[in-house]
């Protein structure tokens, strides 16, 4: 199975993020542009939080707030659980399942932000690994 570092590198997308002072509307525009369900919230290079579609639904729409006038800092998830590239794909799945979260920021050893993985990314990796093992077993059995 690929490592978390390999997964992040393979995503090969520019780091999608917003700053805490940007509007929720701008965050939604960025999410639509890069086709993601969550953005990192960065103040310079420091991770401050994660803003997701779930945050938007629960903390903006249901609260009757206006996307144009609400800062990301008001509604982002600021108690961020993150992982480092030393952790495994299985570790990520366990964390996401236990904590009921869909996105994990990935940091390097020094705490620098490398990217973010979604539950979809993790499931895809696990399924690819399982398919590889099945194929290898079939090849072994059939000679």
Protein backbone atom coordinates (compact mmCIF):
# COMPACT_ATOMS: atom_id res chain seq x y z
CA UNK A 1 0.00 0.00 0.00
CA UNK A 2 1.16 3.49 -0.72
CA UNK A 3 2.18 5.69 2.14
CA UNK A 4 0.30 8.80 3.14
CA UNK A 5 3.15 10.87 1.73
CA UNK A 6 2.80 9.12 -1.64
CA UNK A 7 -0.96 9.69 -1.58
CA UNK A 8 -0.54 13.42 -0.93
CA UNK A 9 2.09 13.70 -3.67
CA UNK A 10 -0.09 11.80 -6.15
CA UNK A 11 -3.02 14.17 -5.66
CA UNK A 12 -0.75 16.69 -7.37
CA UNK A 13 -3.13 19.58 -6.89
CA UNK A 14 -2.27 23.01 -5.69
CA UNK A 15 -3.00 23.47 -2.03
CA UNK A 16 -6.55 24.82 -1.80
CA UNK A 17 -7.05 27.08 1.19
CA UNK A 18 -8.67 30.22 2.54
CA UNK A 19 -7.60 32.67 5.17
CA UNK A 20 -9.64 33.14 8.35
CA UNK A 21 -10.78 36.63 7.31
CA UNK A 22 -12.11 35.64 3.90
CA UNK A 23 -15.85 35.36 3.45
CA UNK A 24 -17.71 32.08 3.44
CA UNK A 25 -18.88 32.99 -0.07
CA UNK A 26 -15.27 33.19 -1.27
CA UNK A 27 -14.51 29.84 0.39
CA UNK A 28 -17.46 28.27 -1.44
CA UNK A 29 -16.25 29.74 -4.73
CA UNK A 30 -12.80 28.22 -4.21
CA UNK A 31 -14.31 24.87 -3.26
CA UNK A 32 -16.34 24.89 -6.47
CA UNK A 33 -13.33 25.93 -8.59
CA UNK A 34 -11.14 23.07 -7.35
CA UNK A 35 -14.00 20.59 -6.81
CA UNK A 36 -13.37 19.79 -3.14
CA UNK A 37 -15.61 19.47 -0.11
CA UNK A 38 -13.29 21.17 2.37
CA UNK A 39 -10.56 23.78 2.53
CA UNK A 40 -7.69 24.30 4.88
CA UNK A 41 -7.83 27.61 6.73
CA UNK A 42 -4.32 29.07 6.82
CA UNK A 43 -2.94 32.20 8.41
CA UNK A 44 0.29 32.52 6.49
CA UNK A 45 1.68 29.00 6.76
CA UNK A 46 -0.03 28.20 10.06
CA UNK A 47 -3.03 25.85 10.06
CA UNK A 48 -5.94 27.53 11.85
CA UNK A 49 -8.80 25.25 10.90
CA UNK A 50 -10.80 23.43 8.26
CA UNK A 51 -13.88 24.77 6.49
CA UNK A 52 -16.17 22.15 4.98
CA UNK A 53 -19.53 21.84 3.27
CA UNK A 54 -20.80 20.46 6.57
CA UNK A 55 -19.67 23.66 8.38
CA UNK A 56 -21.49 25.70 5.76
CA UNK A 57 -24.71 23.73 6.08
CA UNK A 58 -24.78 23.65 9.86
CA UNK A 59 -23.20 26.93 10.87
CA UNK A 60 -24.22 29.29 8.08
CA UNK A 61 -27.41 28.19 6.33
CA UNK A 62 -29.16 26.68 9.34
CA UNK A 63 -28.21 29.67 11.48
CA UNK A 64 -29.57 32.14 8.93
CA UNK A 65 -26.21 33.81 8.32
CA UNK A 66 -25.23 35.43 5.02
CA UNK A 67 -22.32 33.81 3.18
CA UNK A 68 -21.16 37.16 1.83
CA UNK A 69 -20.95 38.77 5.30
CA UNK A 70 -19.68 35.86 7.38
CA UNK A 71 -15.96 35.31 7.86
CA UNK A 72 -14.61 31.78 7.59
CA UNK A 73 -13.14 32.16 11.09
CA UNK A 74 -16.68 32.41 12.53
CA UNK A 75 -17.78 29.01 11.23
CA UNK A 76 -14.68 26.90 10.57
CA UNK A 77 -13.80 23.85 12.62
CA UNK A 78 -10.88 25.10 14.70
CA UNK A 79 -10.23 22.00 16.77
CA UNK A 80 -8.35 20.33 13.95
CA UNK A 81 -7.20 16.74 14.07
CA UNK A 82 -4.27 16.25 11.73
CA UNK A 83 -1.86 13.51 10.74
CA UNK A 84 1.76 13.38 9.63
CA UNK A 85 3.19 11.57 6.65
CA UNK A 86 4.60 8.93 9.01
CA UNK A 87 1.09 7.67 9.72
CA UNK A 88 -0.48 4.95 7.62
CA UNK A 89 -3.57 4.97 5.45
CA UNK A 90 -5.12 2.60 8.00
CA UNK A 91 -4.33 5.08 10.79
CA UNK A 92 -6.18 7.77 8.85
CA UNK A 93 -9.21 5.53 8.38
CA UNK A 94 -9.27 4.70 12.10
CA UNK A 95 -9.02 8.36 13.11
CA UNK A 96 -11.71 9.45 10.68
CA UNK A 97 -14.04 6.68 11.81
CA UNK A 98 -13.48 7.27 15.52
CA UNK A 99 -13.74 11.06 15.34
CA UNK A 100 -16.55 11.16 12.73
CA UNK A 101 -14.61 13.46 10.42
CA UNK A 102 -14.27 13.44 6.65
CA UNK A 103 -11.08 15.45 6.12
CA UNK A 104 -7.61 15.26 7.65
CA UNK A 105 -4.90 17.85 7.14
CA UNK A 106 -1.51 16.24 6.51
CA UNK A 107 1.54 17.88 8.08
CA UNK A 108 5.24 17.27 7.74
CA UNK A 109 7.46 16.53 10.75
CA UNK A 110 7.94 20.24 11.46
CA UNK A 111 4.22 20.96 11.36
CA UNK A 112 4.18 22.42 7.86
CA UNK A 113 0.99 21.85 5.90
CA UNK A 114 1.36 19.42 2.98
CA UNK A 115 -2.26 18.94 2.03
CA UNK A 116 -5.51 17.34 3.03
CA UNK A 117 -7.00 13.89 2.52
CA UNK A 118 -10.67 13.04 2.43
CA UNK A 119 -12.47 9.91 3.48
CA UNK A 120 -12.93 9.26 -0.25
CA UNK A 121 -9.17 9.38 -0.82
CA UNK A 122 -8.61 6.92 2.01
CA UNK A 123 -11.32 4.49 0.91
CA UNK A 124 -10.02 4.56 -2.66
CA UNK A 125 -6.53 3.67 -1.43
CA UNK A 126 -7.81 0.79 0.69
CA UNK A 127 -9.94 -0.56 -2.17
CA UNK A 128 -7.00 -0.35 -4.60
CA UNK A 129 -4.82 -2.28 -2.15
CA UNK A 130 -7.50 -4.93 -1.68
CA UNK A 131 -7.89 -5.32 -5.44
CA UNK A 132 -4.13 -5.70 -5.81
CA UNK A 133 -4.08 -8.46 -3.18
CA UNK A 134 -7.03 -10.23 -4.81
CA UNK A 135 -5.31 -10.13 -8.20
CA UNK A 136 -2.08 -11.48 -6.71
CA UNK A 137 -3.95 -14.32 -4.98
CA UNK A 138 -5.83 -15.18 -8.18
CA UNK A 139 -2.56 -15.27 -10.09
CA UNK A 140 -0.99 -17.48 -7.45
CA UNK A 141 -3.93 -19.90 -7.43
CA UNK A 142 -4.18 -20.17 -11.21
CA UNK A 143 -0.43 -20.60 -11.51
